[in-house]
Protein backbone atom coordinates (compact mmCIF):
# COMPACT_ATOMS: atom_id res chain seq x y z
CA MET A 1 68.76 -68.72 55.56
CA SER A 2 66.09 -67.25 53.51
CA SER A 3 62.65 -68.52 53.07
CA ALA A 4 60.54 -67.75 49.99
CA ILE A 5 56.97 -66.86 50.60
CA PRO A 6 54.85 -68.45 47.96
CA GLN A 7 52.75 -65.98 45.94
CA ARG A 8 49.14 -66.83 45.45
CA PRO A 9 48.30 -66.69 41.78
CA ARG A 10 45.83 -63.93 40.79
CA PRO A 11 42.63 -65.41 39.53
CA ARG A 12 41.83 -64.78 35.89
CA PRO A 13 38.58 -63.03 35.22
CA GLY A 14 35.78 -65.29 34.21
CA PRO A 15 33.36 -64.90 31.42
CA ARG A 16 31.02 -62.82 33.53
CA PHE A 17 33.53 -59.92 33.43
CA ARG A 18 33.87 -60.06 29.69
CA LEU A 19 30.15 -60.08 29.17
CA ARG A 20 29.89 -56.80 30.99
CA PHE A 21 31.83 -55.02 28.22
CA ARG A 22 30.43 -56.87 25.28
CA PRO A 23 28.83 -54.33 22.94
CA GLY A 24 25.32 -54.90 21.77
CA PRO A 25 22.31 -53.03 20.46
CA ARG A 26 20.45 -51.01 22.99
CA PRO A 27 16.74 -51.62 23.20
CA GLU A 28 14.51 -48.78 22.10
CA PRO A 29 13.11 -46.78 25.02
CA ARG A 30 9.58 -47.65 25.93
CA LYS A 31 8.55 -44.47 27.64
CA ARG A 32 5.81 -42.51 26.01
CA PRO A 33 6.95 -39.26 24.47
CA GLY A 34 5.28 -36.06 25.52
CA PRO A 35 3.64 -33.65 23.11
CA ARG A 36 5.81 -31.28 21.09
CA PHE A 37 4.33 -27.83 20.54
CA PRO A 38 6.87 -25.75 18.61
CA LEU A 39 6.53 -22.06 17.91
CA SER A 40 9.49 -21.54 15.63
CA GLY A 41 8.57 -21.65 11.98
CA VAL A 42 4.81 -21.86 12.55
CA LEU A 43 4.23 -18.41 11.02
CA ARG A 44 7.01 -18.59 8.42
CA LEU A 45 5.83 -17.76 4.90
CA GLY A 46 6.43 -20.32 2.20
CA ARG A 47 6.43 -20.08 -1.56
CA PRO A 48 3.04 -19.50 -3.16
CA SER A 49 1.36 -22.39 -4.91
CA ASP A 50 2.09 -22.76 -8.61
CA ILE A 51 -1.60 -22.27 -9.37
CA TRP A 52 -2.55 -19.82 -6.60
CA PHE A 53 -4.26 -17.57 -9.14
CA LYS A 54 -6.61 -20.30 -10.36
CA PRO A 55 -8.73 -20.72 -7.21
CA ALA A 56 -8.45 -16.98 -6.58
CA LEU A 57 -9.83 -16.06 -10.00
CA SER A 58 -12.34 -18.92 -9.97
CA VAL A 59 -13.93 -17.82 -6.71
CA ILE A 60 -14.27 -14.27 -8.03
CA ALA A 61 -15.93 -15.53 -11.21
CA ALA A 62 -18.23 -17.79 -9.18
CA VAL A 63 -19.19 -15.28 -6.47
CA ALA A 64 -19.50 -12.03 -8.43
CA PRO A 65 -22.42 -12.74 -10.84
CA PRO A 66 -24.86 -14.16 -8.22
CA ASN A 67 -24.08 -11.37 -5.75
CA LEU A 68 -24.40 -8.63 -8.36
CA ILE A 69 -27.70 -10.08 -9.57
CA LEU A 70 -29.03 -10.17 -6.01
CA LEU A 71 -27.78 -6.61 -5.49
CA ALA A 72 -29.68 -5.44 -8.57
CA LEU A 73 -32.82 -7.24 -7.36
CA GLY A 74 -32.54 -5.80 -3.87
CA ARG A 75 -32.29 -9.29 -2.32
CA LEU A 76 -28.77 -9.27 -0.97
CA ASP A 77 -30.11 -11.15 2.04
CA LEU A 78 -30.06 -14.29 -0.15
CA ALA A 79 -26.33 -13.89 -0.78
CA VAL A 80 -25.66 -16.06 2.28
CA TYR A 81 -27.10 -19.01 0.32
CA THR A 82 -25.59 -18.24 -3.08
CA MET A 83 -22.17 -17.90 -1.42
CA ALA A 84 -22.54 -21.50 -0.26
CA GLY A 85 -22.76 -22.72 -3.84
CA SER A 86 -20.19 -20.28 -5.21
CA LEU A 87 -17.48 -21.41 -2.79
CA CYS A 88 -17.56 -24.87 -4.39
CA ALA A 89 -15.38 -23.32 -7.11
CA LEU A 90 -12.44 -23.58 -4.70
CA TYR A 91 -12.17 -27.36 -5.10
CA ALA A 92 -10.48 -29.84 -7.44
CA HIS A 93 -8.12 -27.46 -9.26
CA ASN A 94 -5.36 -30.07 -9.27
CA ARG A 95 -7.45 -32.79 -10.96
CA PRO A 96 -7.76 -33.58 -14.68
CA TYR A 97 -11.00 -32.27 -16.14
CA ALA A 98 -12.64 -35.67 -16.55
CA ALA A 99 -12.14 -36.34 -12.84
CA ARG A 100 -12.82 -32.71 -11.90
CA ALA A 101 -16.31 -32.89 -13.38
CA ARG A 102 -17.20 -35.77 -11.06
CA VAL A 103 -15.51 -34.33 -7.98
CA LEU A 104 -17.09 -30.89 -8.34
CA ALA A 105 -20.51 -32.45 -8.83
CA TRP A 106 -20.11 -34.41 -5.59
CA VAL A 107 -18.88 -31.28 -3.78
CA VAL A 108 -21.95 -29.33 -4.90
CA LEU A 109 -24.25 -32.16 -3.82
CA GLY A 110 -22.42 -32.53 -0.50
CA MET A 111 -22.63 -28.79 0.14
CA THR A 112 -26.35 -28.81 -0.66
CA GLY A 113 -26.94 -31.81 1.60
CA GLY A 114 -25.14 -30.23 4.56
CA LEU A 115 -26.95 -26.96 3.99
CA ALA A 116 -30.30 -28.77 3.83
CA VAL A 117 -29.67 -30.52 7.16
CA ALA A 118 -28.67 -27.22 8.76
CA LEU A 119 -31.70 -25.32 7.45
CA LEU A 120 -34.06 -28.09 8.53
CA ALA A 121 -32.56 -28.07 12.03
CA ALA A 122 -32.82 -24.28 12.19
CA SER A 123 -36.48 -24.43 11.17
CA LEU A 124 -37.37 -27.10 13.72
CA THR A 125 -35.63 -25.75 16.83
CA ALA A 126 -34.18 -22.56 18.21
CA SER A 127 -32.20 -24.21 21.01
CA PRO A 128 -28.54 -23.20 20.68
CA LEU A 129 -27.38 -26.38 22.39
CA VAL A 130 -29.26 -28.58 19.94
CA LEU A 131 -28.02 -26.57 16.98
CA VAL A 132 -24.42 -26.76 18.20
CA THR A 133 -24.76 -30.53 18.58
CA VAL A 134 -26.05 -30.84 15.03
CA GLY A 135 -23.23 -28.64 13.78
CA ALA A 136 -20.60 -30.71 15.58
CA LEU A 137 -21.93 -33.97 14.13
CA LEU A 138 -22.02 -32.43 10.65
CA ALA A 139 -18.44 -31.17 11.06
CA ALA A 140 -17.22 -34.64 12.08
CA ALA A 141 -18.97 -36.29 9.13
CA GLN A 142 -17.59 -33.71 6.70
CA LYS A 143 -14.07 -34.12 8.09
CA ALA A 144 -14.20 -37.93 7.79
CA LEU A 145 -15.60 -37.91 4.26
CA CYS A 146 -13.19 -35.26 2.95
CA ASP A 147 -10.20 -37.13 4.36
CA ALA A 148 -11.44 -40.55 3.20
CA THR A 149 -11.99 -39.32 -0.36
CA ARG A 150 -8.72 -37.30 -0.33
CA LEU A 151 -10.67 -34.31 -1.57
CA GLY A 152 -7.81 -31.88 -1.13
CA PRO A 153 -7.82 -28.23 -0.16
CA PRO A 154 -9.76 -26.45 1.20
CA GLY A 155 -11.09 -29.72 2.62
CA ASN A 156 -13.93 -29.74 5.11
CA VAL A 157 -13.44 -26.21 6.45
CA VAL A 158 -15.55 -24.43 3.81
CA LEU A 159 -18.32 -27.04 4.02
CA THR A 160 -18.37 -26.78 7.81
CA PHE A 161 -18.47 -22.98 7.64
CA ILE A 162 -21.47 -23.09 5.33
CA SER A 163 -23.51 -25.60 7.32
CA SER A 164 -22.62 -24.13 10.73
CA ALA A 165 -23.51 -20.59 9.73
CA ALA A 166 -26.84 -21.74 8.27
CA LEU A 167 -27.76 -23.35 11.60
CA PHE A 168 -28.14 -19.93 13.20
CA VAL A 169 -30.06 -18.18 10.41
CA PRO A 170 -33.74 -17.94 11.41
CA GLN A 171 -35.83 -20.24 9.19
CA THR A 172 -39.29 -21.60 8.73
CA LEU A 173 -39.91 -25.00 7.19
CA GLY A 174 -41.56 -23.42 4.13
CA GLN A 175 -38.53 -21.23 3.43
CA VAL A 176 -36.08 -24.12 3.18
CA PRO A 177 -36.73 -25.03 -0.50
CA GLY A 178 -36.51 -21.38 -1.53
CA HIS A 179 -33.13 -21.04 0.16
CA LEU A 180 -31.73 -24.29 -1.17
CA GLY A 181 -32.62 -23.30 -4.75
CA PRO A 182 -30.20 -20.32 -4.98
CA ALA A 183 -27.46 -22.36 -3.33
CA LEU A 184 -27.85 -25.20 -5.83
CA ALA A 185 -28.02 -22.78 -8.78
CA ALA A 186 -24.84 -21.02 -7.61
CA GLY A 187 -23.22 -24.44 -7.19
CA GLY A 188 -24.05 -25.28 -10.80
CA TRP A 189 -22.48 -22.00 -11.88
CA ALA A 190 -19.37 -22.84 -9.81
CA TRP A 191 -19.19 -26.20 -11.61
CA LEU A 192 -19.11 -24.40 -14.96
CA ILE A 193 -16.42 -22.03 -13.71
CA GLY A 194 -14.29 -24.94 -12.54
CA MET A 195 -14.57 -26.69 -15.90
CA ALA A 196 -14.14 -23.61 -18.11
CA PRO A 197 -10.28 -23.57 -18.23
CA GLY A 198 -10.39 -26.97 -19.92
CA LEU A 199 -11.56 -25.29 -23.12
CA ALA A 200 -8.22 -23.46 -23.49
CA ARG A 201 -5.85 -25.95 -21.85
CA PRO A 202 -7.48 -29.38 -21.71
CA HIS A 203 -4.41 -31.15 -20.31
CA GLY A 204 -3.26 -28.45 -17.88
CA PRO A 205 -3.53 -30.44 -14.61
CA GLU A 206 -1.67 -33.45 -16.01
CA ARG A 207 1.09 -31.24 -17.40
CA ARG A 208 1.48 -29.42 -14.07
CA ALA A 209 1.64 -32.68 -12.11
CA THR A 210 4.29 -34.05 -14.48
CA ALA A 211 6.31 -30.84 -14.33
CA HIS A 212 6.18 -30.94 -10.53
CA ALA A 213 7.45 -34.53 -10.54
CA LEU A 214 10.35 -33.56 -12.84
CA ASN A 215 11.31 -30.56 -10.70
CA ALA A 216 11.11 -32.63 -7.51
CA ALA A 217 13.30 -35.32 -9.09
CA ALA A 218 15.81 -32.64 -10.11
CA ALA A 219 15.87 -31.34 -6.52
CA HIS A 220 16.58 -34.89 -5.33
CA VAL A 221 19.48 -35.19 -7.79
CA ASP A 222 20.91 -31.89 -6.52
CA ALA A 223 20.57 -33.01 -2.90
CA TYR A 224 22.26 -36.32 -3.74
CA ALA A 225 25.17 -34.50 -5.35
CA ALA A 226 25.48 -32.04 -2.45
CA GLY A 227 25.29 -34.79 0.15
CA GLU A 228 22.79 -33.02 2.43
CA GLY A 229 19.02 -33.09 2.71
CA GLU A 230 18.89 -36.18 0.53
CA ASP A 231 16.29 -38.08 2.58
CA ARG A 232 13.83 -35.18 2.63
CA ALA A 233 14.34 -34.50 -1.09
CA ARG A 234 13.92 -38.18 -1.95
CA ALA A 235 10.67 -38.40 0.03
CA GLY A 236 9.34 -35.28 -1.69
CA ALA A 237 10.31 -36.56 -5.13
CA ALA A 238 8.72 -39.96 -4.47
CA ALA A 239 5.48 -38.28 -3.38
CA ALA A 240 5.49 -36.02 -6.45
CA VAL A 241 6.06 -38.95 -8.82
CA HIS A 242 3.32 -40.97 -7.14
CA ALA A 243 0.94 -37.98 -7.36
CA ALA A 244 1.76 -37.59 -11.07
CA TRP A 245 0.87 -41.23 -11.74
CA GLN A 246 -2.39 -40.80 -9.82
CA THR A 247 -3.20 -37.74 -11.91
CA LEU A 248 -2.47 -39.56 -15.15
CA LEU A 249 -4.60 -42.46 -13.96
CA SER A 250 -7.67 -40.21 -13.82
CA ALA A 251 -6.91 -38.45 -17.14
CA ARG A 252 -8.23 -39.36 -20.56
CA ALA A 253 -6.11 -41.65 -22.71
CA GLY A 254 -4.38 -40.19 -25.75
CA GLN A 255 -1.08 -39.09 -27.21
CA THR A 256 -0.64 -36.30 -24.69
CA ARG A 257 -1.00 -38.65 -21.75
CA ARG A 258 1.41 -41.10 -23.40
CA GLY A 259 4.00 -38.35 -23.74
CA LEU A 260 3.54 -37.33 -20.10
CA GLU A 261 3.92 -40.97 -19.05
CA ARG A 262 7.34 -41.03 -20.72
CA LEU A 263 8.42 -38.00 -18.70
CA VAL A 264 7.14 -39.40 -15.41
CA VAL A 265 9.11 -42.59 -16.12
CA ARG A 266 12.15 -40.33 -16.59
CA ALA A 267 11.46 -38.78 -13.18
CA GLU A 268 11.26 -42.29 -11.72
CA ILE A 269 14.64 -43.13 -13.28
CA ALA A 270 16.14 -40.00 -11.71
CA LEU A 271 14.70 -40.99 -8.35
CA ALA A 272 16.17 -44.50 -8.61
CA ALA A 273 19.57 -43.49 -10.03
CA PRO A 274 20.38 -39.84 -9.24
CA ALA A 275 24.07 -40.28 -10.04
CA ASP A 276 23.22 -40.99 -13.69
CA THR A 277 20.83 -38.05 -14.15
CA ASP A 278 21.31 -34.48 -15.32
CA PRO A 279 18.99 -32.25 -13.25
CA ALA A 280 19.17 -29.44 -15.81
CA ARG A 281 17.48 -31.64 -18.42
CA LEU A 282 14.68 -32.49 -16.00
CA ARG A 283 14.05 -28.81 -15.34
CA ASP A 284 14.15 -28.03 -19.07
CA TRP A 285 11.46 -30.64 -19.71
CA ALA A 286 9.38 -29.25 -16.83
CA ARG A 287 9.69 -25.75 -18.28
CA ASP A 288 8.61 -26.99 -21.72
CA LEU A 289 5.38 -28.33 -20.22
CA ARG A 290 4.11 -24.82 -19.53
CA GLY A 291 1.53 -23.48 -21.91
CA THR A 292 -0.04 -25.52 -24.69
CA THR A 293 3.00 -26.47 -26.75
CA SER A 294 3.65 -30.10 -27.66
CA VAL A 295 4.89 -32.40 -24.91
CA PRO A 296 8.69 -32.82 -25.13
CA ARG A 297 9.97 -36.26 -26.05
CA PRO A 298 13.50 -37.04 -24.84
CA GLU A 299 15.57 -38.88 -27.40
CA ASP A 300 17.20 -41.19 -24.85
CA LEU A 301 13.97 -42.36 -23.29
CA VAL A 302 12.18 -45.64 -23.77
CA ASP A 303 9.98 -46.32 -26.77
CA ASP A 304 6.26 -47.06 -26.65
CA ASP A 305 6.95 -50.79 -26.83
CA GLU A 306 8.95 -50.54 -23.64
CA LEU A 307 6.13 -48.69 -21.85
CA ILE A 308 3.80 -51.69 -21.87
CA GLY A 309 4.45 -52.02 -18.15
CA VAL A 310 3.03 -48.53 -17.61
CA ASP A 311 -0.27 -49.63 -19.11
CA ALA A 312 -0.26 -52.69 -16.88
CA GLY A 313 0.43 -50.59 -13.81
CA LEU A 314 -2.28 -48.11 -14.73
CA ALA A 315 -4.73 -50.97 -15.29
CA VAL A 316 -4.01 -52.24 -11.78
CA GLY A 317 -4.43 -48.75 -10.35
CA ARG A 318 -7.64 -48.21 -12.32
CA THR A 319 -9.13 -51.37 -10.86
CA SER A 320 -8.22 -50.38 -7.31
CA SER A 321 -9.39 -46.79 -7.80
CA ARG A 322 -12.97 -47.90 -8.28
CA ARG A 323 -13.18 -47.90 -4.51
CA ARG A 324 -13.33 -44.16 -4.07
CA LEU A 325 -13.52 -44.21 -0.29
CA GLY A 326 -10.43 -45.00 1.72
CA PRO A 327 -10.63 -46.88 5.01
CA LEU A 328 -12.76 -45.03 7.56
CA ALA A 329 -11.50 -46.85 10.68
CA PRO A 330 -8.18 -44.89 10.90
CA LEU A 331 -10.20 -41.66 10.69
CA ALA A 332 -12.31 -42.49 13.73
CA PRO A 333 -10.05 -40.68 16.27
CA LEU A 334 -9.92 -37.59 14.05
CA ALA A 335 -13.71 -37.60 13.63
CA ALA A 336 -14.14 -38.03 17.38
CA ARG A 337 -11.81 -35.10 18.03
CA THR A 338 -13.77 -32.97 15.60
CA ALA A 339 -17.16 -33.85 17.06
CA LEU A 340 -16.06 -33.39 20.68
CA GLY A 341 -14.03 -30.24 20.08
CA CYS A 342 -16.69 -28.51 17.98
CA ALA A 343 -19.45 -29.39 20.42
CA LEU A 344 -17.54 -28.22 23.50
CA ALA A 345 -16.40 -25.03 21.75
CA GLY A 346 -19.98 -24.22 20.77
CA TYR A 347 -21.28 -24.98 24.26
CA ALA A 348 -18.61 -22.76 25.81
CA SER A 349 -19.55 -19.92 23.45
CA CYS A 350 -23.22 -20.31 24.40
CA ALA A 351 -22.30 -20.26 28.09
CA LEU A 352 -20.49 -16.96 27.54
CA GLY A 353 -23.57 -15.48 25.90
CA ILE A 354 -22.06 -15.06 22.43
CA GLY A 355 -24.75 -14.68 19.78
CA ARG A 356 -22.86 -16.63 17.13
CA PRO A 357 -21.47 -19.86 18.64
CA TYR A 358 -20.85 -21.22 15.14
CA TRP A 359 -17.72 -19.07 14.97
CA ALA A 360 -16.22 -21.03 17.85
CA LEU A 361 -17.43 -24.27 16.26
CA VAL A 362 -15.80 -23.48 12.91
CA THR A 363 -12.59 -22.39 14.63
CA ALA A 364 -12.35 -25.76 16.36
CA ALA A 365 -13.18 -27.64 13.13
CA SER A 366 -10.43 -25.83 11.23
CA LEU A 367 -7.72 -26.96 13.65
CA TYR A 368 -7.70 -30.71 13.24
CA GLN A 369 -4.84 -32.04 11.16
CA ALA A 370 -3.15 -35.43 10.87
CA ASN A 371 -1.64 -35.29 14.37
CA VAL A 372 -1.47 -33.19 17.53
CA THR A 373 1.70 -31.34 16.54
CA LEU A 374 0.18 -30.12 13.26
CA THR A 375 -3.06 -29.29 15.08
CA TRP A 376 -1.07 -27.10 17.47
CA SER A 377 0.57 -25.28 14.56
CA ARG A 378 -2.81 -24.69 12.93
CA ALA A 379 -4.21 -23.35 16.22
CA VAL A 380 -1.42 -20.79 16.47
CA GLN A 381 -1.89 -19.80 12.82
CA ARG A 382 -5.66 -19.49 13.27
CA ILE A 383 -5.36 -17.24 16.33
CA VAL A 384 -2.76 -14.95 14.77
CA GLY A 385 -4.65 -14.73 11.47
CA ASN A 386 -7.95 -13.91 13.17
CA LEU A 387 -6.39 -11.29 15.44
CA VAL A 388 -4.88 -9.50 12.46
CA GLY A 389 -8.08 -10.10 10.49
CA VAL A 390 -10.31 -8.27 12.96
CA LEU A 391 -7.96 -5.30 12.71
CA ALA A 392 -8.37 -5.43 8.93
CA PHE A 393 -12.15 -5.54 9.43
CA ALA A 394 -11.98 -2.42 11.59
CA VAL A 395 -10.17 -0.63 8.77
CA LEU A 396 -12.46 -1.87 5.97
CA VAL A 397 -15.86 -1.63 7.63
CA PRO A 398 -16.30 2.15 7.09
CA LEU A 399 -15.74 1.62 3.37
CA ALA A 400 -18.14 -1.33 3.27
CA HIS A 401 -20.85 0.71 5.02
CA LEU A 402 -20.88 3.37 2.30
CA ALA A 403 -23.28 1.31 0.17
CA GLN A 404 -24.34 -2.26 -0.46
CA ALA A 405 -22.36 -2.23 -3.71
CA ALA A 406 -19.24 -1.32 -1.74
CA LEU A 407 -19.97 -4.19 0.64
CA VAL A 408 -20.14 -6.64 -2.27
CA LEU A 409 -16.93 -5.34 -3.85
CA VAL A 410 -14.98 -5.47 -0.57
CA CYS A 411 -16.10 -9.08 -0.04
CA LEU A 412 -14.97 -9.96 -3.57
CA ALA A 413 -11.55 -8.43 -2.95
CA LEU A 414 -11.21 -10.36 0.30
CA ASN A 415 -12.21 -13.58 -1.46
CA PHE A 416 -9.41 -13.07 -3.95
CA GLY A 417 -6.89 -12.14 -1.26
CA ALA A 418 -7.71 -15.17 0.85
CA GLU A 419 -7.07 -17.65 -1.97
CA ALA A 420 -4.02 -15.78 -3.22
CA LEU A 421 -2.33 -15.76 0.20
CA ILE A 422 -3.43 -18.92 1.98
CA SER A 423 -0.98 -21.17 0.10
CA ARG A 424 1.92 -19.21 1.61
CA ASN A 425 0.70 -19.80 5.16
CA TYR A 426 -2.70 -20.47 6.67
CA TRP A 427 -2.54 -17.46 8.99
CA LEU A 428 -1.94 -15.08 6.09
CA GLY A 429 -5.05 -16.30 4.30
CA SER A 430 -7.03 -16.01 7.55
CA VAL A 431 -6.24 -12.29 7.57
CA CYS A 432 -8.62 -11.98 4.60
CA VAL A 433 -11.06 -14.75 5.57
CA THR A 434 -11.87 -13.20 8.96
CA PRO A 435 -13.09 -9.77 7.73
CA MET A 436 -14.92 -11.47 4.85
CA ALA A 437 -16.84 -13.71 7.30
CA LEU A 438 -17.70 -10.66 9.42
CA LEU A 439 -18.91 -8.68 6.41
CA ILE A 440 -21.09 -11.55 5.17
CA THR A 441 -23.15 -11.22 8.33
CA GLU A 442 -24.01 -7.69 7.18
CA PHE A 443 -25.65 -8.79 3.93
CA THR A 444 -28.97 -8.81 5.79
CA ARG A 445 -28.46 -5.71 7.98
CA ILE A 446 -25.75 -3.35 9.19
CA GLN A 447 -24.43 -4.30 12.63
CA ASP A 448 -22.30 -2.75 15.34
CA PRO A 449 -18.63 -3.28 14.32
CA GLY A 450 -17.35 -3.15 17.89
CA ARG A 451 -19.66 -5.95 18.99
CA LEU A 452 -18.74 -8.07 15.96
CA ILE A 453 -15.05 -7.65 16.69
CA ALA A 454 -15.42 -8.52 20.37
CA GLU A 455 -17.54 -11.60 19.67
CA ARG A 456 -15.18 -12.83 16.97
CA LEU A 457 -12.14 -12.45 19.22
CA VAL A 458 -13.79 -14.32 22.09
CA ASP A 459 -15.06 -17.10 19.82
CA THR A 460 -11.62 -17.49 18.21
CA LEU A 461 -9.86 -17.91 21.54
CA VAL A 462 -12.57 -20.19 22.93
CA GLY A 463 -12.72 -22.33 19.80
CA ALA A 464 -8.92 -22.67 19.57
CA ALA A 465 -8.42 -23.46 23.26
CA VAL A 466 -11.30 -25.92 23.61
CA GLY A 467 -10.65 -27.50 20.22
CA PHE A 468 -7.00 -28.12 20.99
CA ALA A 469 -7.87 -29.49 24.42
CA ALA A 470 -10.12 -32.03 22.68
CA ALA A 471 -7.22 -33.02 20.42
CA ILE A 472 -5.13 -33.71 23.54
CA ALA A 473 -7.95 -35.62 25.24
CA VAL A 474 -8.80 -37.89 22.29
CA THR A 475 -5.57 -39.73 21.59
CA ASP A 476 -4.92 -41.84 18.51
CA ARG A 477 -3.70 -45.04 20.14
CA ARG A 478 -3.66 -47.01 16.87
CA VAL A 479 -1.19 -44.85 15.01
CA GLY A 480 1.55 -47.37 15.87
CA ASP A 481 -0.54 -50.19 14.40
CA ARG A 482 -0.94 -48.25 11.14
CA LEU A 483 2.81 -47.67 11.00
CA GLU A 484 3.41 -51.39 11.51
CA ALA A 485 0.97 -52.15 8.69
CA ALA A 486 2.71 -49.66 6.39
CA LEU A 487 6.09 -51.21 7.21
CA THR A 488 4.75 -54.68 6.49
CA ALA A 489 3.34 -53.48 3.16
CA VAL A 490 6.72 -52.02 2.13
CA GLU A 491 8.58 -55.16 3.10
CA ARG A 492 6.10 -57.39 1.27
CA THR A 493 6.07 -55.32 -1.94
CA ARG A 494 9.86 -54.98 -1.84
CA GLU A 495 10.33 -58.73 -1.64
CA HIS A 496 7.88 -59.24 -4.50
CA ALA A 497 9.63 -56.68 -6.70
CA ALA A 498 13.06 -58.11 -5.90
CA ARG A 499 11.88 -61.63 -6.72
CA LEU A 500 10.50 -60.52 -10.09
CA ALA A 501 13.66 -58.57 -10.87
CA ALA A 502 15.72 -61.69 -10.23
CA GLU A 503 13.68 -63.80 -12.66
CA PRO A 504 15.22 -64.20 -16.14
CA HIS A 505 11.96 -63.55 -18.02
CA PRO A 506 9.24 -61.93 -15.89
CA ALA A 507 5.76 -61.66 -17.42
CA THR A 508 5.05 -58.52 -19.44
CA GLY A 509 4.09 -55.62 -17.23
CA THR A 510 4.43 -57.47 -13.92
CA LEU A 511 7.78 -55.94 -13.00
CA ASP A 512 6.59 -52.43 -13.76
CA ALA A 513 3.40 -52.98 -11.77
CA ALA A 514 5.47 -54.31 -8.87
CA ARG A 515 7.73 -51.26 -9.03
CA ARG A 516 4.73 -48.96 -9.00
CA ALA A 517 3.22 -50.79 -6.02
CA LEU A 518 6.51 -50.52 -4.12
CA ALA A 519 6.76 -46.80 -4.87
CA ALA A 520 3.20 -46.25 -3.61
CA ALA A 521 3.92 -48.26 -0.45
CA LEU A 522 7.02 -46.15 0.24
CA VAL A 523 5.04 -42.92 -0.14
CA ASP A 524 2.38 -44.25 2.22
CA LEU A 525 5.05 -45.31 4.74
CA ARG A 526 6.60 -41.86 4.78
CA ALA A 527 3.21 -40.15 5.25
CA THR A 528 2.25 -42.58 8.02
CA ALA A 529 5.60 -42.16 9.79
CA ASP A 530 5.32 -38.36 9.64
CA ALA A 531 1.81 -38.49 11.06
CA ALA A 532 2.84 -40.90 13.82
CA ALA A 533 5.84 -38.77 14.78
CA GLY A 534 3.57 -35.82 15.58
CA GLU A 535 1.13 -37.78 17.75
CA TRP A 536 1.53 -38.04 21.50
CA TRP A 537 1.00 -40.52 24.31
CA GLN A 538 1.97 -43.54 22.27
CA ARG A 539 4.47 -46.36 22.38
CA ALA A 540 7.94 -45.82 20.96
CA LEU A 541 8.05 -45.81 17.17
CA PRO A 542 10.34 -48.19 15.24
CA ARG A 543 12.34 -45.36 13.68
CA GLU A 544 15.36 -47.49 12.74
CA ARG A 545 13.11 -50.03 11.06
CA VAL A 546 11.42 -47.25 9.06
CA VAL A 547 14.79 -45.93 7.86
CA THR A 548 15.96 -49.43 6.94
CA ALA A 549 12.74 -50.19 5.07
CA GLU A 550 12.99 -46.96 3.09
CA GLU A 551 16.63 -47.47 2.18
CA SER A 552 16.13 -51.08 1.07
CA GLY A 553 12.96 -50.14 -0.79
CA HIS A 554 14.69 -47.44 -2.80
CA ARG A 555 17.59 -49.79 -3.57
CA THR A 556 15.08 -52.30 -4.91
CA LEU A 557 13.45 -49.58 -7.02
CA ALA A 558 16.84 -48.80 -8.54
CA ALA A 559 17.41 -52.49 -9.22
CA THR A 560 14.06 -52.87 -10.99
CA VAL A 561 14.78 -49.83 -13.14
CA ARG A 562 18.08 -51.35 -14.23
CA ARG A 563 16.46 -54.75 -14.72
CA GLN A 564 13.88 -53.28 -17.09
CA GLY A 565 16.57 -51.67 -19.17
CA LEU A 566 15.21 -48.17 -18.58
CA LEU A 567 18.65 -47.10 -17.43
CA LEU A 568 22.05 -48.12 -18.77
CA ASP A 569 23.58 -50.56 -16.29
CA ARG A 570 27.04 -49.06 -15.84
CA ASP A 571 28.07 -51.33 -13.02
CA ALA A 572 26.87 -54.92 -13.01
CA SER A 573 28.12 -55.44 -9.46
CA VAL A 574 25.92 -52.62 -8.20
CA ARG A 575 22.93 -54.25 -9.84
CA ALA A 576 23.72 -57.64 -8.30
CA GLU A 577 24.17 -56.08 -4.87
CA ASP A 578 20.86 -54.19 -5.16
CA LEU A 579 19.01 -57.37 -6.09
CA ARG A 580 20.64 -59.29 -3.26
CA ARG A 581 19.56 -56.67 -0.71
């Protein structure tokens, strides 16, 4: 007799077991990232600027006549003031001449105003602490204004060097007008030097900006075909195209500008549809823009009647460009860093008994970039460049001491070298700037080279260390808010452009203006995201949302290009999909 033992059925797993293995998106980490201070690549040399010779030759033409006149008169002690005006020739070389005239005039007035404040402070007090405080406040104001107006290189560094050095030149109140006069006269001469190339090549800046946009678009097409580095190339091309439109916006109207507009539209088409573009043709057009020959006109490009949207977009940009100053609120952390870092660096130099605390102040002012990571890179470059520069000064100072004429000529050569090399890497230009700054102090009297070298080395290290510490201490806690605002702007402009592209008959010029607004928003998003990525002690950034916004934005740009008929629509399904997205 056998008995069967009943088996208890195995329970089936409930839903709670299945939920454990259900895939889902992982939330973004909320921990705050630490600072990233790389050393690799910081000193790597890049390609020289396309127009490196223009500021280099301009500064020679602006500095040489005033210095040689003062040398002949036996008043080389006034060269400190004429140099202030002459260095204004370094600015605005990338702007059309109509805009350059205004910008250079404002630079000369701003330089004179900062110099006047410094000379007045020097004549009213001899307290190093008070003078350092004034210099730090001036440096912060100059940094904020140069960034808000997008002045461009060399930015606030030259203005801060001029005003900070003047703070420690002994003055009386009666001498101030006599010292401002040579500076203002040299500034007027620098204005003429900056405008002089327009006589031979009146449309040079616009042609260069258009050629750069074409070359950048060709690089994007190559990256698209190769399948690597496409995102970086696309961001660079978008920035170059946007910069070209901004340059044309500030240029005079005429046939030349109309021809350049056609080519920038062609660069936009390449950016939107790289698969349908021949990069060799883009580079040929860019090459043809060199010199003063006629602007090339591609046969397959749109006619003037089809460029009405360009005029509409430029009209919108012209209206918005009347507000020259950008928002100052986002610059508050950077201005606070500059003021605090410069002040503490100057105070530390005074505590060490250095006779020229403005060197430490200027070193700190030169560090501050868009974020902490870039500030770190600039600090390393500044230290290395100054260390090599003082060695160059030790080699050159015996030659400069032969005669005052030799001193002037050596300073001129260093001026040229600084502007010729600084576009390759900041540290390489500093190799020439450092001995030049040391030799300028000898325009009044010959000094002990060993003491100058020791003081410069100490001030460089103090200024870099204290200045970078201030950048760490003053955090930009609103960088995430600015990135959110940039993302919102891209999403809003993309929806507007897509809605217009879907309409059967959009109003004349509205679609082109919407496309231009979307392109500008994408450029701003990329710049804001890059700046936010290098900041520290912040909440996690929405990186996936940034990538998605950029991809959808560029798809919408391609759809608007096809909708306007600027590009042959080879695949209607692609167009419909782009509009849907």
